[in-house]
Amino acid sequence: IATRCRTVARAPSGRCPRRCREQRVTRPSIDRVFERRLAELVNYGERNALQGGLKGVEKESLRVTSAGRIAVTPHPRALGSALTNEHITTDYSEALLEFVTPAFTESWELLQYLCDIHQFVYRHLGEELLWATSMPCALDDDASVPIAQYGSSNIGRMKTIYRHGLGLRYGRMMQAISGVHFNYSFPAHFWPIFQDLTRTRRGGADFVSDGYFALLRNYRRYGWLVLYLFGVSPALGESFLQGRADGLEPLTPGTLCGPHATSLRMSDLGYRNKSQAGVDISVNSLEEYVRDLERAIGTPHPPYERLGVRVDGEYRQLNGNLLQIENEYYSFIRPKRVARSGERPTKALRRAGVEYVEVRALDVSAFDPVGVNQNKLRFLEAFLAFCILKDSAPIERGEQPLLDANHHIIARRGREPGLELLRDGRRVAMRDWAREILDSMQGICELLDEGDGQRAHTASLAVQAAKIDDVALTPSARLLAELRTGGESFLEMALRISREHKSYFLELYPPNERRLAEFAGEAEESLHAQQAIERADREPQAPPFDVYLQQYLC
């Protein structure tokens, strides 16, 4: 068992800059595979092995009225077609906007693009606002959440019917929750180096996919840390639970909270609900992942069949199976590849392997006008490198429920004093395990900071380490403290911050007029593109919707 001074662990030199008697257990066993890989990476001829990874963000925001009620107006025409606009679309609801950035090598470029999107959108929202938090505004019931509309084309109809199915299966109110997804791919020059580090002969796309699936397995093991560090949904408006308490406590009038919660969005109250308990998707290999997803999509589920698929000539859902399509599977992280037109995600993966990963566990941050910040993105980049460099044994069938339990515990009780998690069948202090992970990431951050005088990744790591030492610094604790101090309800606070964000974007000067003009042009082009798709589907040779759906799902 190794013991190290906490100061030494964070000192770039590895030596304590001052006398310190503070000792602690950093880990129950040494991960020699990780240490060897990291040491070889540090000593490799290319010091920029981890630099230049591609980063993108998909950020969801609920459109609400000036009074904080969910908007029932159609998707604004000035924003283009939700079906064909690549950068401004909708998610589940007609009111749930989704902003999609291109991939950038620099986090600041990504955030600037996201900021420009917000400026453009706010110029066309009139009195409406973008809700500043993940947990939604006041909702009357399921019927108050309008389902997204994508037009009369076959693909447009399929997307809307899929959302009808989600509403039937899980409830529309749950679908009004918003989040931030971080897309990441390692630079191309990393893979030959990683092949050397792993002593692997298997190369090409197969090796890249193997590497990403090793990352996915370790994210399932260690991703609870992301919820602790960045979860910012510990409270919600009581209308969301429709009179239920679900283990939450009153905080301010109209507000329920988990006193030590970090991310109710990623708990059993949100995306990690019990409805998908029977869906078990392996990440031990690309082959097993695709096999399990296709099996779930093709397996009838009696409770869903009883809801009806096509009733009185109208589709209620795409099918009555465990999953309608791949996207219905809610996971903290997904392997992805850009699909061709009409190509299902599993077929794209089978065709050419994994291209990038999508981290889906981030809450929308009320403390950041665009919902995310550079420190968060830089930490995630280093954390994903940690996950791929760590040894990553296959996840046994009995291990996955324990890993899921750790994520659930952190989502519901992550700031609880003395909290313990299960690690290799033993209970360990969460804070000790978190410190060990952050200590291990020090060398990775130094590699990412090579040539950067500001040492931005190392600085981000220090910000996160402070949250382990002082739980009050976590965004979930900060949000609860603001509610307690101000005496506002969750809905009042979120509405106030939403108004502040609107003023921020509308007053931001100087605006990037060139990019705003690009967004306007893309919006207009997307409207024409949707019209062209709809015209093509009206041609005599176009398949009717029933045939189109059968071909897509086969």
Protein backbone atom coordinates (compact mmCIF):
# COMPACT_ATOMS: atom_id res chain seq x y z
CA ILE A 1 0.00 0.00 0.00
CA ALA A 2 1.49 3.29 -1.09
CA THR A 3 1.17 6.44 0.99
CA ARG A 4 1.90 9.89 -0.33
CA CYS A 5 1.72 13.46 0.89
CA ARG A 6 -1.26 15.19 -0.73
CA THR A 7 0.95 18.16 -1.63
CA VAL A 8 3.50 15.92 -3.32
CA ALA A 9 0.76 14.29 -5.35
CA ARG A 10 -0.10 17.65 -6.90
CA ALA A 11 3.39 19.11 -7.17
CA PRO A 12 4.74 19.02 -10.76
CA SER A 13 8.17 17.98 -9.46
CA GLY A 14 6.77 15.15 -7.35
CA ARG A 15 8.57 16.59 -4.27
CA CYS A 16 6.91 18.27 -1.35
CA PRO A 17 7.68 22.01 -1.39
CA ARG A 18 7.23 22.20 2.37
CA ARG A 19 7.50 19.92 5.37
CA CYS A 20 4.25 18.08 5.79
CA ARG A 21 3.27 15.17 7.97
CA GLU A 22 -0.02 14.61 6.23
CA GLN A 23 -0.08 11.04 4.98
CA ARG A 24 -2.87 9.10 3.42
CA VAL A 25 -3.51 5.87 1.58
CA THR A 26 -3.70 6.72 -2.11
CA ARG A 27 -4.64 3.32 -3.47
CA PRO A 28 -5.01 -0.25 -2.32
CA SER A 29 -2.86 -1.53 -5.20
CA ILE A 30 -0.59 -0.04 -7.83
CA ASP A 31 -1.87 -0.07 -11.40
CA ARG A 32 1.43 -1.00 -13.00
CA VAL A 33 -0.08 -1.14 -16.49
CA PHE A 34 -1.21 2.48 -16.24
CA GLU A 35 2.07 3.65 -14.72
CA ARG A 36 4.11 1.90 -17.43
CA ARG A 37 1.96 3.31 -20.23
CA LEU A 38 2.08 6.81 -18.82
CA ALA A 39 5.84 6.67 -18.27
CA GLU A 40 6.41 5.43 -21.82
CA LEU A 41 4.09 8.10 -23.17
CA VAL A 42 6.03 10.79 -21.28
CA ASN A 43 9.31 9.45 -22.65
CA TYR A 44 8.01 8.90 -26.17
CA GLY A 45 9.57 10.93 -28.94
CA GLU A 46 6.34 12.85 -29.58
CA ARG A 47 5.54 14.95 -26.53
CA ASN A 48 2.29 16.11 -28.13
CA ALA A 49 0.87 12.57 -28.31
CA LEU A 50 -2.37 13.57 -26.53
CA GLN A 51 -2.71 17.05 -28.02
CA GLY A 52 -5.02 17.91 -30.89
CA GLY A 53 -8.02 15.76 -29.98
CA LEU A 54 -11.29 16.87 -31.54
CA LYS A 55 -13.91 18.29 -29.18
CA GLY A 56 -17.56 19.10 -29.75
CA VAL A 57 -20.63 19.85 -27.64
CA GLU A 58 -24.35 19.20 -27.97
CA LYS A 59 -26.20 21.48 -25.56
CA GLU A 60 -29.93 21.27 -24.89
CA SER A 61 -32.04 24.19 -23.68
CA LEU A 62 -35.75 24.33 -22.98
CA ARG A 63 -37.59 27.25 -24.57
CA VAL A 64 -39.84 28.93 -22.02
CA THR A 65 -42.12 31.95 -21.87
CA SER A 66 -41.09 35.15 -20.11
CA ALA A 67 -43.09 33.85 -17.12
CA GLY A 68 -41.16 30.58 -17.02
CA ARG A 69 -43.74 28.22 -18.57
CA ILE A 70 -42.79 25.77 -21.30
CA ALA A 71 -43.20 27.32 -24.74
CA VAL A 72 -45.98 25.86 -26.91
CA THR A 73 -45.02 27.88 -29.99
CA PRO A 74 -43.55 26.07 -33.02
CA HIS A 75 -39.81 25.87 -33.54
CA PRO A 76 -38.92 29.41 -34.75
CA ARG A 77 -38.67 29.46 -38.55
CA ALA A 78 -35.71 31.85 -38.37
CA LEU A 79 -33.71 29.04 -36.75
CA GLY A 80 -34.26 26.84 -39.80
CA SER A 81 -35.52 23.28 -40.05
CA ALA A 82 -35.11 21.12 -36.98
CA LEU A 83 -34.85 18.16 -39.38
CA THR A 84 -31.98 19.38 -41.54
CA ASN A 85 -30.15 22.18 -39.70
CA GLU A 86 -26.89 20.62 -38.47
CA HIS A 87 -26.22 23.13 -35.70
CA ILE A 88 -29.64 24.20 -34.35
CA THR A 89 -32.26 21.51 -33.95
CA THR A 90 -34.63 20.06 -31.35
CA ASP A 91 -34.43 17.03 -29.11
CA TYR A 92 -37.55 15.39 -27.63
CA SER A 93 -39.83 18.39 -27.44
CA GLU A 94 -40.66 21.12 -29.91
CA ALA A 95 -39.59 23.42 -27.06
CA LEU A 96 -36.29 21.60 -26.34
CA LEU A 97 -33.64 23.24 -28.50
CA GLU A 98 -30.36 21.46 -29.18
CA PHE A 99 -27.21 23.32 -30.24
CA VAL A 100 -24.54 21.23 -31.97
CA THR A 101 -21.03 22.56 -32.47
CA PRO A 102 -18.55 21.31 -35.06
CA ALA A 103 -15.42 19.58 -33.75
CA PHE A 104 -12.56 21.85 -32.63
CA THR A 105 -9.06 21.16 -31.37
CA GLU A 106 -9.24 24.04 -28.87
CA SER A 107 -11.83 24.32 -26.11
CA TRP A 108 -11.98 28.11 -26.36
CA GLU A 109 -12.95 27.90 -30.05
CA LEU A 110 -15.72 25.46 -29.21
CA LEU A 111 -17.12 27.71 -26.50
CA GLN A 112 -16.92 30.77 -28.73
CA TYR A 113 -18.96 28.94 -31.36
CA LEU A 114 -21.49 27.90 -28.71
CA CYS A 115 -21.69 31.49 -27.52
CA ASP A 116 -22.34 32.67 -31.09
CA ILE A 117 -25.18 30.15 -31.47
CA HIS A 118 -26.81 31.49 -28.31
CA GLN A 119 -26.50 35.05 -29.60
CA PHE A 120 -28.10 34.09 -32.89
CA VAL A 121 -30.95 32.17 -31.28
CA TYR A 122 -31.75 34.95 -28.81
CA ARG A 123 -32.10 37.39 -31.69
CA HIS A 124 -35.05 35.28 -32.87
CA LEU A 125 -36.78 34.23 -29.64
CA GLY A 126 -38.74 37.39 -28.98
CA GLU A 127 -39.93 37.35 -25.37
CA GLU A 128 -39.00 33.70 -24.83
CA LEU A 129 -36.04 32.51 -22.78
CA LEU A 130 -33.69 29.54 -22.68
CA TRP A 131 -34.12 27.72 -19.37
CA ALA A 132 -30.82 27.87 -17.45
CA THR A 133 -30.90 24.48 -15.70
CA SER A 134 -31.21 20.79 -16.55
CA MET A 135 -34.33 20.16 -14.47
CA PRO A 136 -37.27 21.74 -16.27
CA CYS A 137 -39.57 24.66 -15.66
CA ALA A 138 -43.01 24.24 -14.11
CA LEU A 139 -45.01 21.57 -15.95
CA ASP A 140 -48.71 20.84 -15.53
CA ASP A 141 -48.60 17.27 -16.78
CA ASP A 142 -47.31 15.12 -19.63
CA ALA A 143 -49.65 16.75 -22.11
CA SER A 144 -48.08 20.15 -21.44
CA VAL A 145 -44.80 19.00 -23.10
CA PRO A 146 -45.18 19.39 -26.89
CA ILE A 147 -43.53 16.67 -28.98
CA ALA A 148 -41.03 17.79 -31.63
CA GLN A 149 -42.34 18.01 -35.20
CA TYR A 150 -40.16 17.30 -38.24
CA GLY A 151 -42.50 17.59 -41.19
CA SER A 152 -44.22 15.13 -43.53
CA SER A 153 -41.23 13.22 -44.94
CA ASN A 154 -40.65 9.60 -44.01
CA ILE A 155 -37.63 10.45 -41.84
CA GLY A 156 -39.50 13.36 -40.27
CA ARG A 157 -42.50 11.19 -39.42
CA MET A 158 -40.25 8.50 -37.98
CA LYS A 159 -38.48 10.98 -35.68
CA THR A 160 -41.79 12.30 -34.34
CA ILE A 161 -43.30 8.83 -33.86
CA TYR A 162 -40.18 7.74 -32.00
CA ARG A 163 -40.74 10.61 -29.58
CA HIS A 164 -44.38 9.66 -29.14
CA GLY A 165 -43.11 6.24 -28.12
CA LEU A 166 -40.70 7.71 -25.60
CA GLY A 167 -43.53 9.68 -24.07
CA LEU A 168 -45.69 6.57 -23.74
CA ARG A 169 -42.89 4.52 -22.23
CA TYR A 170 -41.25 6.97 -19.83
CA GLY A 171 -43.51 10.01 -19.68
CA ARG A 172 -43.07 13.29 -21.50
CA MET A 173 -42.05 15.25 -18.42
CA MET A 174 -38.88 13.22 -18.02
CA GLN A 175 -38.06 14.02 -21.65
CA ALA A 176 -38.13 17.75 -20.84
CA ILE A 177 -34.88 17.39 -18.87
CA SER A 178 -31.91 18.91 -20.69
CA GLY A 179 -28.21 18.17 -20.64
CA VAL A 180 -24.82 18.76 -22.26
CA HIS A 181 -23.06 16.08 -24.30
CA PHE A 182 -19.29 16.22 -24.84
CA ASN A 183 -18.00 14.58 -28.02
CA TYR A 184 -14.33 13.63 -28.16
CA SER A 185 -11.92 11.80 -30.43
CA PHE A 186 -8.22 11.30 -29.84
CA PRO A 187 -5.87 12.80 -32.45
CA ALA A 188 -4.94 10.50 -35.34
CA HIS A 189 -1.26 10.52 -34.36
CA PHE A 190 -2.12 9.08 -30.92
CA TRP A 191 -3.19 5.67 -32.19
CA PRO A 192 0.15 4.37 -33.58
CA ILE A 193 1.77 5.50 -30.32
CA PHE A 194 -0.90 3.80 -28.24
CA GLN A 195 -0.43 0.65 -30.31
CA ASP A 196 3.24 0.65 -29.30
CA LEU A 197 2.35 1.22 -25.64
CA THR A 198 -0.10 -1.69 -25.61
CA ARG A 199 2.24 -4.07 -27.50
CA THR A 200 -0.63 -4.81 -29.90
CA ARG A 201 -0.32 -6.18 -33.42
CA ARG A 202 -3.99 -5.63 -34.30
CA GLY A 203 -4.14 -2.24 -35.97
CA GLY A 204 -6.33 0.02 -38.05
CA ALA A 205 -10.00 0.64 -37.31
CA ASP A 206 -10.27 -2.53 -35.23
CA PHE A 207 -7.53 -1.36 -32.86
CA VAL A 208 -9.09 2.10 -32.56
CA SER A 209 -12.46 0.55 -31.69
CA ASP A 210 -10.80 -1.72 -29.11
CA GLY A 211 -9.19 1.34 -27.54
CA TYR A 212 -12.44 3.26 -27.34
CA PHE A 213 -14.24 0.29 -25.81
CA ALA A 214 -11.49 0.00 -23.18
CA LEU A 215 -12.24 3.67 -22.44
CA LEU A 216 -15.99 2.94 -22.21
CA ARG A 217 -15.43 0.17 -19.68
CA ASN A 218 -13.28 2.38 -17.49
CA TYR A 219 -15.76 5.25 -17.77
CA ARG A 220 -18.36 2.89 -16.34
CA ARG A 221 -15.92 2.18 -13.49
CA TYR A 222 -14.78 5.74 -12.76
CA GLY A 223 -17.37 8.04 -14.37
CA TRP A 224 -19.14 8.58 -11.05
CA LEU A 225 -16.45 11.18 -10.45
CA VAL A 226 -17.87 13.33 -13.28
CA LEU A 227 -21.23 13.42 -11.51
CA TYR A 228 -19.61 14.51 -8.25
CA LEU A 229 -17.47 17.23 -9.83
CA PHE A 230 -19.97 18.66 -12.31
CA GLY A 231 -23.46 17.60 -11.25
CA VAL A 232 -25.60 20.68 -10.78
CA SER A 233 -29.14 19.35 -10.49
CA PRO A 234 -29.63 18.63 -6.75
CA ALA A 235 -33.03 20.35 -6.67
CA LEU A 236 -36.18 20.65 -8.76
CA GLY A 237 -39.61 22.22 -8.82
CA GLU A 238 -42.13 20.02 -7.04
CA SER A 239 -44.43 20.03 -10.09
CA PHE A 240 -41.95 17.70 -11.81
CA LEU A 241 -42.81 14.84 -9.42
CA GLN A 242 -46.56 15.45 -9.53
CA GLY A 243 -47.09 15.16 -5.79
CA ARG A 244 -44.50 12.42 -5.14
CA ALA A 245 -41.50 12.97 -2.88
CA ASP A 246 -39.25 10.10 -4.07
CA GLY A 247 -36.90 10.50 -1.15
CA LEU A 248 -36.41 14.24 -1.61
CA GLU A 249 -36.87 16.89 1.07
CA PRO A 250 -38.48 20.35 1.01
CA LEU A 251 -35.94 23.16 0.70
CA THR A 252 -37.74 26.40 -0.14
CA PRO A 253 -41.44 26.79 -1.01
CA GLY A 254 -42.19 24.71 -4.11
CA THR A 255 -38.72 23.17 -4.11
CA LEU A 256 -37.57 19.61 -3.41
CA CYS A 257 -33.94 18.61 -3.09
CA GLY A 258 -31.59 15.79 -2.26
CA PRO A 259 -29.60 17.30 0.64
CA HIS A 260 -26.42 15.61 -0.64
CA ALA A 261 -27.44 15.04 -4.26
CA THR A 262 -25.25 16.05 -7.17
CA SER A 263 -27.28 15.17 -10.28
CA LEU A 264 -30.95 14.21 -9.96
CA ARG A 265 -30.97 14.35 -13.76
CA MET A 266 -28.71 11.29 -13.86
CA SER A 267 -30.46 9.50 -11.00
CA ASP A 268 -33.45 7.19 -11.03
CA LEU A 269 -35.64 10.33 -11.16
CA GLY A 270 -34.21 11.27 -14.55
CA TYR A 271 -32.51 9.44 -17.37
CA ARG A 272 -31.34 6.50 -15.26
CA ASN A 273 -34.89 5.41 -14.55
CA LYS A 274 -35.95 1.88 -13.71
CA SER A 275 -37.80 1.42 -16.99
CA GLN A 276 -34.61 0.25 -18.73
CA ALA A 277 -33.46 -2.08 -15.97
CA GLY A 278 -33.84 -5.07 -18.31
CA VAL A 279 -31.65 -3.59 -21.05
CA ASP A 280 -28.13 -4.93 -20.57
CA ILE A 281 -25.65 -3.66 -23.18
CA SER A 282 -22.08 -4.95 -23.04
CA VAL A 283 -19.12 -2.68 -23.78
CA ASN A 284 -16.57 -5.50 -23.73
CA SER A 285 -16.20 -5.23 -27.50
CA LEU A 286 -17.75 -3.58 -30.53
CA GLU A 287 -19.20 -6.93 -31.56
CA GLU A 288 -20.94 -7.47 -28.20
CA TYR A 289 -22.17 -3.88 -28.05
CA VAL A 290 -23.79 -4.05 -31.48
CA ARG A 291 -25.15 -7.54 -30.79
CA ASP A 292 -26.83 -6.47 -27.55
CA LEU A 293 -28.32 -3.29 -29.01
CA GLU A 294 -29.71 -5.13 -32.02
CA ARG A 295 -31.12 -7.81 -29.73
CA ALA A 296 -32.88 -5.18 -27.60
CA ILE A 297 -34.27 -3.47 -30.70
CA GLY A 298 -35.57 -6.80 -31.96
CA THR A 299 -36.96 -8.24 -28.70
CA PRO A 300 -40.70 -7.76 -28.07
CA HIS A 301 -41.56 -6.37 -24.65
CA PRO A 302 -45.15 -7.18 -23.58
CA PRO A 303 -45.73 -3.97 -21.55
CA TYR A 304 -44.75 -1.89 -24.58
CA GLU A 305 -46.71 -4.08 -26.96
CA ARG A 306 -49.81 -3.47 -24.85
CA LEU A 307 -49.41 0.27 -25.45
CA GLY A 308 -50.08 -0.40 -29.11
CA VAL A 309 -47.88 0.28 -32.10
CA ARG A 310 -50.39 1.28 -34.74
CA VAL A 311 -53.85 2.10 -33.42
CA ASP A 312 -56.70 3.29 -35.67
CA GLY A 313 -54.20 3.85 -38.47
CA GLU A 314 -51.93 6.09 -36.38
CA TYR A 315 -48.50 5.08 -35.08
CA ARG A 316 -48.00 5.41 -31.32
CA GLN A 317 -44.43 4.10 -31.36
CA LEU A 318 -42.04 2.57 -33.88
CA ASN A 319 -42.42 -0.91 -32.42
CA GLY A 320 -43.24 -2.69 -29.17
CA ASN A 321 -39.71 -3.90 -28.47
CA LEU A 322 -37.34 -3.25 -25.56
CA LEU A 323 -35.87 -0.38 -27.57
CA GLN A 324 -37.46 1.30 -30.57
CA ILE A 325 -34.05 2.32 -31.97
CA GLU A 326 -30.49 2.65 -30.63
CA ASN A 327 -30.91 6.21 -29.33
CA GLU A 328 -33.47 5.07 -26.78
CA TYR A 329 -30.74 3.37 -24.76
CA TYR A 330 -29.77 5.84 -22.04
CA SER A 331 -26.12 5.56 -21.07
CA PHE A 332 -23.49 7.80 -19.51
CA ILE A 333 -21.27 7.49 -22.57
CA ARG A 334 -21.72 6.15 -26.11
CA PRO A 335 -19.39 4.98 -28.89
CA LYS A 336 -20.24 6.93 -32.04
CA ARG A 337 -19.55 7.21 -35.75
CA VAL A 338 -21.04 9.75 -38.12
CA ALA A 339 -23.69 7.78 -39.99
CA ARG A 340 -24.50 8.02 -43.66
CA SER A 341 -27.94 9.21 -44.72
CA GLY A 342 -30.53 6.70 -43.56
CA GLU A 343 -27.92 4.54 -41.81
CA ARG A 344 -28.61 3.26 -38.31
CA PRO A 345 -25.94 3.93 -35.64
CA THR A 346 -25.15 0.23 -35.13
CA LYS A 347 -24.68 -0.29 -38.85
CA ALA A 348 -22.33 2.69 -39.00
CA LEU A 349 -20.28 1.22 -36.15
CA ARG A 350 -20.24 -2.20 -37.77
CA ARG A 351 -19.20 -0.66 -41.09
CA ALA A 352 -16.22 1.39 -39.97
CA GLY A 353 -15.75 1.17 -36.20
CA VAL A 354 -15.79 3.82 -33.49
CA GLU A 355 -14.94 7.38 -34.52
CA TYR A 356 -15.48 9.21 -31.23
CA VAL A 357 -17.20 8.95 -27.85
CA GLU A 358 -20.13 10.98 -26.55
CA VAL A 359 -20.09 11.75 -22.82
CA ARG A 360 -23.71 12.31 -21.84
CA ALA A 361 -23.46 12.81 -18.07
CA LEU A 362 -23.09 16.61 -17.92
CA ASP A 363 -25.84 18.78 -16.46
CA VAL A 364 -26.57 22.21 -17.89
CA SER A 365 -24.74 24.60 -15.58
CA ALA A 366 -26.74 27.58 -14.39
CA PHE A 367 -23.42 29.21 -13.47
CA ASP A 368 -22.27 29.36 -17.12
CA PRO A 369 -24.33 31.25 -19.73
CA VAL A 370 -23.62 28.57 -22.39
CA GLY A 371 -24.13 25.77 -19.85
CA VAL A 372 -20.51 24.57 -19.77
CA ASN A 373 -17.02 26.05 -19.29
CA GLN A 374 -13.41 25.49 -20.34
CA ASN A 375 -12.29 23.96 -17.03
CA LYS A 376 -14.93 21.28 -17.41
CA LEU A 377 -13.99 20.48 -21.01
CA ARG A 378 -10.28 20.37 -20.25
CA PHE A 379 -10.80 18.06 -17.31
CA LEU A 380 -12.97 15.73 -19.40
CA GLU A 381 -10.30 15.57 -22.10
CA ALA A 382 -7.74 14.49 -19.49
CA PHE A 383 -10.20 12.12 -17.83
CA LEU A 384 -10.91 10.32 -21.10
CA ALA A 385 -7.16 9.92 -21.62
CA PHE A 386 -6.96 8.46 -18.10
CA CYS A 387 -9.73 6.00 -18.98
CA ILE A 388 -7.99 4.78 -22.12
CA LEU A 389 -4.55 4.47 -20.54
CA LYS A 390 -5.81 2.51 -17.53
CA ASP A 391 -5.86 -1.26 -17.71
CA SER A 392 -9.40 -2.22 -18.71
CA ALA A 393 -10.44 -5.80 -18.10
CA PRO A 394 -13.78 -7.00 -19.47
CA ILE A 395 -16.79 -6.17 -17.29
CA GLU A 396 -18.26 -9.36 -15.90
CA ARG A 397 -22.02 -9.75 -15.76
CA GLY A 398 -22.11 -9.41 -11.96
CA GLU A 399 -19.88 -6.33 -12.00
CA GLN A 400 -22.10 -4.00 -14.01
CA PRO A 401 -24.88 -3.63 -11.38
CA LEU A 402 -22.23 -2.63 -8.82
CA LEU A 403 -20.82 -0.01 -11.20
CA ASP A 404 -24.32 1.32 -11.85
CA ALA A 405 -24.90 1.50 -8.09
CA ASN A 406 -21.83 3.73 -7.63
CA HIS A 407 -23.15 6.18 -10.22
CA HIS A 408 -26.58 6.15 -8.58
CA ILE A 409 -25.12 6.72 -5.10
CA ILE A 410 -23.14 9.73 -6.31
CA ALA A 411 -26.11 11.16 -8.21
CA ARG A 412 -28.35 10.91 -5.13
CA ARG A 413 -25.90 11.24 -2.20
CA GLY A 414 -22.54 12.28 -3.63
CA ARG A 415 -21.77 14.98 -1.04
CA GLU A 416 -22.74 12.88 1.97
CA PRO A 417 -20.05 12.95 4.69
CA GLY A 418 -18.11 9.69 4.93
CA LEU A 419 -19.68 8.32 1.75
CA GLU A 420 -18.34 4.97 0.60
CA LEU A 421 -18.45 3.23 -2.77
CA LEU A 422 -17.82 -0.35 -3.84
CA ARG A 423 -14.48 -1.01 -5.50
CA ASP A 424 -13.50 -4.55 -6.47
CA GLY A 425 -15.99 -5.87 -3.94
CA ARG A 426 -14.67 -3.73 -1.07
CA ARG A 427 -16.03 -0.54 0.44
CA VAL A 428 -13.74 2.46 0.02
CA ALA A 429 -14.06 6.10 0.98
CA MET A 430 -15.26 8.04 -2.04
CA ARG A 431 -12.98 10.98 -1.33
CA ASP A 432 -9.87 8.78 -1.10
CA TRP A 433 -10.71 7.09 -4.39
CA ALA A 434 -11.42 10.45 -6.04
CA ARG A 435 -8.07 11.85 -4.86
CA GLU A 436 -6.30 8.80 -6.23
CA ILE A 437 -7.86 9.30 -9.66
CA LEU A 438 -6.96 12.99 -9.73
CA ASP A 439 -3.41 12.25 -8.61
CA SER A 440 -3.08 9.74 -11.46
CA MET A 441 -4.20 12.39 -13.95
CA GLN A 442 -1.38 14.81 -13.09
CA GLY A 443 1.03 13.42 -15.68
CA ILE A 444 -1.69 13.33 -18.33
CA CYS A 445 -2.46 17.00 -17.77
CA GLU A 446 1.23 17.86 -18.04
CA LEU A 447 1.36 16.12 -21.43
CA LEU A 448 -1.75 18.00 -22.58
CA ASP A 449 -0.12 21.23 -21.38
CA GLU A 450 3.16 20.66 -23.25
CA GLY A 451 4.13 24.03 -24.76
CA ASP A 452 1.33 25.87 -22.91
CA GLY A 453 2.77 28.41 -20.52
CA GLN A 454 -0.57 28.77 -18.75
CA ARG A 455 -0.78 25.00 -18.02
CA ALA A 456 -4.53 25.11 -18.54
CA HIS A 457 -5.26 21.40 -18.03
CA THR A 458 -3.17 21.26 -14.86
CA ALA A 459 -4.99 24.32 -13.56
CA SER A 460 -8.33 22.67 -14.31
CA LEU A 461 -7.22 19.58 -12.42
CA ALA A 462 -6.39 21.74 -9.39
CA VAL A 463 -9.88 23.28 -9.52
CA GLN A 464 -11.43 19.82 -9.41
CA ALA A 465 -9.10 18.62 -6.64
CA ALA A 466 -10.28 21.51 -4.49
CA LYS A 467 -13.84 20.16 -4.77
CA ILE A 468 -12.71 16.90 -3.19
CA ASP A 469 -11.18 18.72 -0.23
CA ASP A 470 -14.08 21.16 0.15
CA VAL A 471 -17.48 19.81 -0.86
CA ALA A 472 -18.94 23.33 -0.68
CA LEU A 473 -17.09 24.13 -3.91
CA THR A 474 -19.05 21.59 -5.96
CA PRO A 475 -21.65 23.17 -8.26
CA SER A 476 -24.43 21.13 -6.65
CA ALA A 477 -23.54 22.52 -3.22
CA ARG A 478 -23.24 26.03 -4.65
CA LEU A 479 -26.72 25.81 -6.18
CA LEU A 480 -28.32 24.64 -2.93
CA ALA A 481 -26.48 27.35 -1.00
CA GLU A 482 -27.81 29.99 -3.38
CA LEU A 483 -31.35 28.68 -2.93
CA ARG A 484 -31.05 28.68 0.86
CA THR A 485 -29.45 32.13 1.00
CA GLY A 486 -31.86 33.81 -1.39
CA GLY A 487 -34.98 32.04 -0.20
CA GLU A 488 -36.17 31.64 -3.79
CA SER A 489 -37.87 28.54 -5.09
CA PHE A 490 -35.97 26.49 -7.64
CA LEU A 491 -38.26 27.79 -10.38
CA GLU A 492 -37.83 31.42 -9.29
CA MET A 493 -34.06 31.11 -9.19
CA ALA A 494 -33.87 29.36 -12.59
CA LEU A 495 -36.14 31.98 -14.17
CA ARG A 496 -34.04 34.82 -12.73
CA ILE A 497 -30.82 33.30 -14.05
CA SER A 498 -32.44 32.60 -17.42
CA ARG A 499 -33.33 36.29 -17.71
CA GLU A 500 -29.77 37.25 -16.76
CA HIS A 501 -28.38 34.96 -19.45
CA LYS A 502 -30.70 36.47 -22.06
CA SER A 503 -29.47 39.96 -21.19
CA TYR A 504 -25.88 38.75 -21.32
CA PHE A 505 -26.18 37.42 -24.87
CA LEU A 506 -28.24 40.28 -26.24
CA GLU A 507 -25.84 42.86 -24.78
CA LEU A 508 -22.63 41.00 -25.69
CA TYR A 509 -20.48 43.28 -27.84
CA PRO A 510 -19.13 43.14 -30.42
CA PRO A 511 -21.18 40.31 -31.90
CA ASN A 512 -19.56 38.02 -34.46
CA GLU A 513 -21.62 39.29 -37.39
CA ARG A 514 -19.87 37.02 -39.89
CA ARG A 515 -20.80 33.89 -37.98
CA LEU A 516 -24.30 35.16 -37.24
CA ALA A 517 -24.76 35.61 -40.99
CA GLU A 518 -23.53 32.04 -41.50
CA PHE A 519 -26.17 30.77 -39.06
CA ALA A 520 -28.85 32.73 -40.92
CA GLY A 521 -27.71 31.24 -44.24
CA GLU A 522 -27.63 27.71 -42.82
CA ALA A 523 -31.14 28.18 -41.43
CA GLU A 524 -32.50 29.23 -44.81
CA GLU A 525 -30.70 26.38 -46.60
CA SER A 526 -32.07 23.87 -44.10
CA LEU A 527 -35.64 24.94 -44.85
CA HIS A 528 -35.04 24.31 -48.55
CA ALA A 529 -33.42 20.95 -47.75
CA GLN A 530 -36.46 19.80 -45.77
CA GLN A 531 -38.76 20.83 -48.61
CA ALA A 532 -36.64 18.84 -51.06
CA ILE A 533 -36.82 15.72 -48.87
CA GLU A 534 -40.59 16.06 -48.58
CA ARG A 535 -40.97 16.50 -52.35
CA ALA A 536 -38.88 13.39 -52.99
CA ASP A 537 -41.02 11.35 -50.61
CA ARG A 538 -44.14 12.36 -52.56
CA GLU A 539 -42.74 10.95 -55.80
CA PRO A 540 -44.42 7.74 -57.08
CA GLN A 541 -41.22 5.73 -56.70
CA ALA A 542 -40.73 6.73 -53.05
CA PRO A 543 -41.59 3.98 -50.54
CA PRO A 544 -44.68 4.49 -48.38
CA PHE A 545 -43.95 5.11 -44.73
CA ASP A 546 -44.67 1.53 -43.63
CA VAL A 547 -42.10 0.20 -46.09
CA TYR A 548 -39.59 2.92 -45.22
CA LEU A 549 -39.85 2.09 -41.50
CA GLN A 550 -39.49 -1.64 -42.11
CA GLN A 551 -36.40 -1.07 -44.26
CA TYR A 552 -34.85 1.22 -41.65
CA LEU A 553 -35.41 -1.18 -38.77
CA CYS A 554 -34.32 -4.33 -40.56
